[in-house]
Protein backbone atom coordinates (compact mmCIF):
# COMPACT_ATOMS: atom_id res chain seq x y z
CA UNK A 1 0.03 -0.11 -0.27
CA UNK A 2 1.15 3.59 -0.69
CA UNK A 3 3.18 5.12 2.28
CA UNK A 4 2.25 8.73 1.23
CA UNK A 5 -1.81 8.16 1.18
CA UNK A 6 -3.53 8.55 4.31
CA UNK A 7 -5.45 5.84 5.16
CA UNK A 8 -7.40 6.80 8.38
CA UNK A 9 -9.03 10.10 6.19
CA UNK A 10 -9.34 7.75 2.55
CA UNK A 11 -11.28 5.15 5.41
CA UNK A 12 -12.80 7.60 7.59
CA UNK A 13 -14.51 9.19 4.02
CA UNK A 14 -15.70 6.25 2.42
CA UNK A 15 -17.03 5.36 5.69
CA UNK A 16 -18.86 8.48 6.08
CA UNK A 17 -20.25 8.78 2.51
CA UNK A 18 -21.57 5.23 2.25
CA UNK A 19 -24.41 6.62 4.87
CA UNK A 20 -25.23 8.74 2.43
CA UNK A 21 -26.23 5.88 -0.11
CA UNK A 22 -29.59 5.88 -2.07
CA UNK A 23 -30.07 1.98 -2.14
CA UNK A 24 -33.65 1.96 -1.34
CA UNK A 25 -34.22 -1.06 -3.08
CA UNK A 26 -31.20 -3.43 -2.09
CA UNK A 27 -30.49 -1.95 1.34
CA UNK A 28 -26.97 -2.24 0.31
CA UNK A 29 -25.34 0.98 1.12
CA UNK A 30 -21.29 1.56 -0.51
CA UNK A 31 -18.96 4.45 0.21
CA UNK A 32 -15.62 5.00 -2.07
CA UNK A 33 -12.93 7.48 -1.15
CA UNK A 34 -10.32 8.47 -3.50
CA UNK A 35 -7.08 9.69 -2.94
CA UNK A 36 -5.60 12.20 -5.86
CA UNK A 37 -3.66 14.94 -6.07
CA UNK A 38 -3.98 15.86 -2.29
CA UNK A 39 -7.71 15.55 -2.06
CA UNK A 40 -10.23 12.81 -1.31
CA UNK A 41 -13.07 12.29 -3.95
CA UNK A 42 -15.76 10.21 -2.45
CA UNK A 43 -18.67 8.81 -4.34
CA UNK A 44 -22.06 6.14 -3.17
CA UNK A 45 -23.91 4.21 -4.94
CA UNK A 46 -27.12 5.76 -6.00
CA UNK A 47 -29.98 2.85 -7.28
CA UNK A 48 -32.65 3.54 -9.20
CA UNK A 49 -36.14 1.76 -9.74
CA UNK A 50 -34.80 1.09 -13.79
CA UNK A 51 -31.50 -0.84 -12.28
CA UNK A 52 -29.29 0.05 -15.01
CA UNK A 53 -29.75 3.80 -14.31
CA UNK A 54 -28.00 3.44 -10.93
CA UNK A 55 -24.31 3.97 -10.42
CA UNK A 56 -21.77 2.38 -8.05
CA UNK A 57 -19.83 3.92 -5.96
CA UNK A 58 -16.38 3.97 -7.50
CA UNK A 59 -17.36 5.15 -10.22
CA UNK A 60 -19.07 8.24 -8.54
CA UNK A 61 -15.89 8.60 -6.56
CA UNK A 62 -14.14 8.65 -10.23
CA UNK A 63 -16.66 11.08 -11.25
CA UNK A 64 -16.37 13.21 -9.01
CA UNK A 65 -12.50 13.27 -9.51
CA UNK A 66 -12.80 13.58 -13.08
CA UNK A 67 -15.35 16.60 -12.51
CA UNK A 68 -12.62 18.33 -10.46
CA UNK A 69 -10.23 17.69 -13.22
CA UNK A 70 -8.16 15.12 -11.47
CA UNK A 71 -7.11 12.25 -13.52
CA UNK A 72 -4.38 10.27 -11.87
CA UNK A 73 -5.87 8.32 -8.54
CA UNK A 74 -3.68 7.17 -5.65
CA UNK A 75 -5.53 4.89 -3.76
CA UNK A 76 -8.94 3.89 -3.27
CA UNK A 77 -10.99 2.47 -0.33
CA UNK A 78 -14.26 0.41 -0.95
CA UNK A 79 -16.51 0.37 2.22
CA UNK A 80 -20.22 -1.53 2.47
CA UNK A 81 -21.28 -3.39 4.82
CA UNK A 82 -20.06 -6.54 4.34
CA UNK A 83 -16.32 -6.92 3.09
CA UNK A 84 -16.28 -6.20 -1.20
CA UNK A 85 -14.83 -6.15 -3.95
CA UNK A 86 -15.46 -3.57 -6.82
CA UNK A 87 -17.57 -4.97 -9.16
CA UNK A 88 -16.66 -5.72 -12.84
CA UNK A 89 -17.58 -2.47 -14.52
CA UNK A 90 -15.96 -0.48 -11.55
CA UNK A 91 -12.87 -2.01 -11.87
CA UNK A 92 -12.23 -1.56 -15.45
CA UNK A 93 -13.27 1.66 -15.12
CA UNK A 94 -10.87 2.43 -12.44
CA UNK A 95 -8.09 0.79 -14.56
CA UNK A 96 -8.47 3.69 -17.44
CA UNK A 97 -7.04 5.73 -14.43
CA UNK A 98 -4.17 3.24 -13.03
CA UNK A 99 -4.11 -0.53 -13.55
CA UNK A 100 -1.76 -0.45 -10.62
CA UNK A 101 -4.07 1.56 -8.30
CA UNK A 102 -4.13 0.15 -4.24
CA UNK A 103 -7.28 -0.75 -2.66
CA UNK A 104 -8.53 -1.02 0.84
CA UNK A 105 -11.33 -2.72 0.93
CA UNK A 106 -13.41 -2.08 4.24
CA UNK A 107 -16.12 -3.88 6.11
CA UNK A 108 -19.10 -1.31 7.98
CA UNK A 109 -20.27 -4.24 10.61
CA UNK A 110 -16.69 -6.16 11.53
CA UNK A 111 -13.97 -3.02 11.26
CA UNK A 112 -12.57 -6.18 9.04
CA UNK A 113 -10.40 -4.78 6.25
CA UNK A 114 -8.48 -6.16 3.16
CA UNK A 115 -5.08 -4.59 1.10
CA UNK A 116 -5.24 -5.63 -2.64
CA UNK A 117 -4.52 -3.34 -5.47
CA UNK A 118 -6.68 -3.46 -9.14
CA UNK A 119 -4.27 -5.66 -10.92
CA UNK A 120 -5.01 -8.61 -8.43
CA UNK A 121 -8.28 -7.65 -9.01
CA UNK A 122 -8.31 -7.76 -12.86
CA UNK A 123 -5.58 -9.67 -14.33
CA UNK A 124 -5.72 -8.89 -18.13
CA UNK A 125 -7.80 -5.98 -18.67
CA UNK A 126 -9.44 -4.51 -21.11
CA UNK A 127 -7.37 -1.91 -22.42
CA UNK A 128 -6.50 -0.09 -26.03
């Protein structure tokens, strides 16, 4: 994991934004926090009655980062009730910006956490 990343602040941001997720259908709240350019960009899942219209927390955080003019993430924390990894779509979206991104998975239910990397989560990612 990156020594220059404030993992405690990133974890706190992911856990806090998770509470603001809009998940009336699944009740499954997820928060993500990306460290990039000295800032923390957060996102949460936002469901919609038409499921494809919703957005995952990780892609929501990517959107916030890009909207701020930043395209080089240093690390990401993903927080959910149980320990979960980003879905395949989010993994591919993250690869666009950093194929070797350090990833910390955090459980809000048990405080368990797991360190990994995007490369480990998505070997053989599609790249053009």
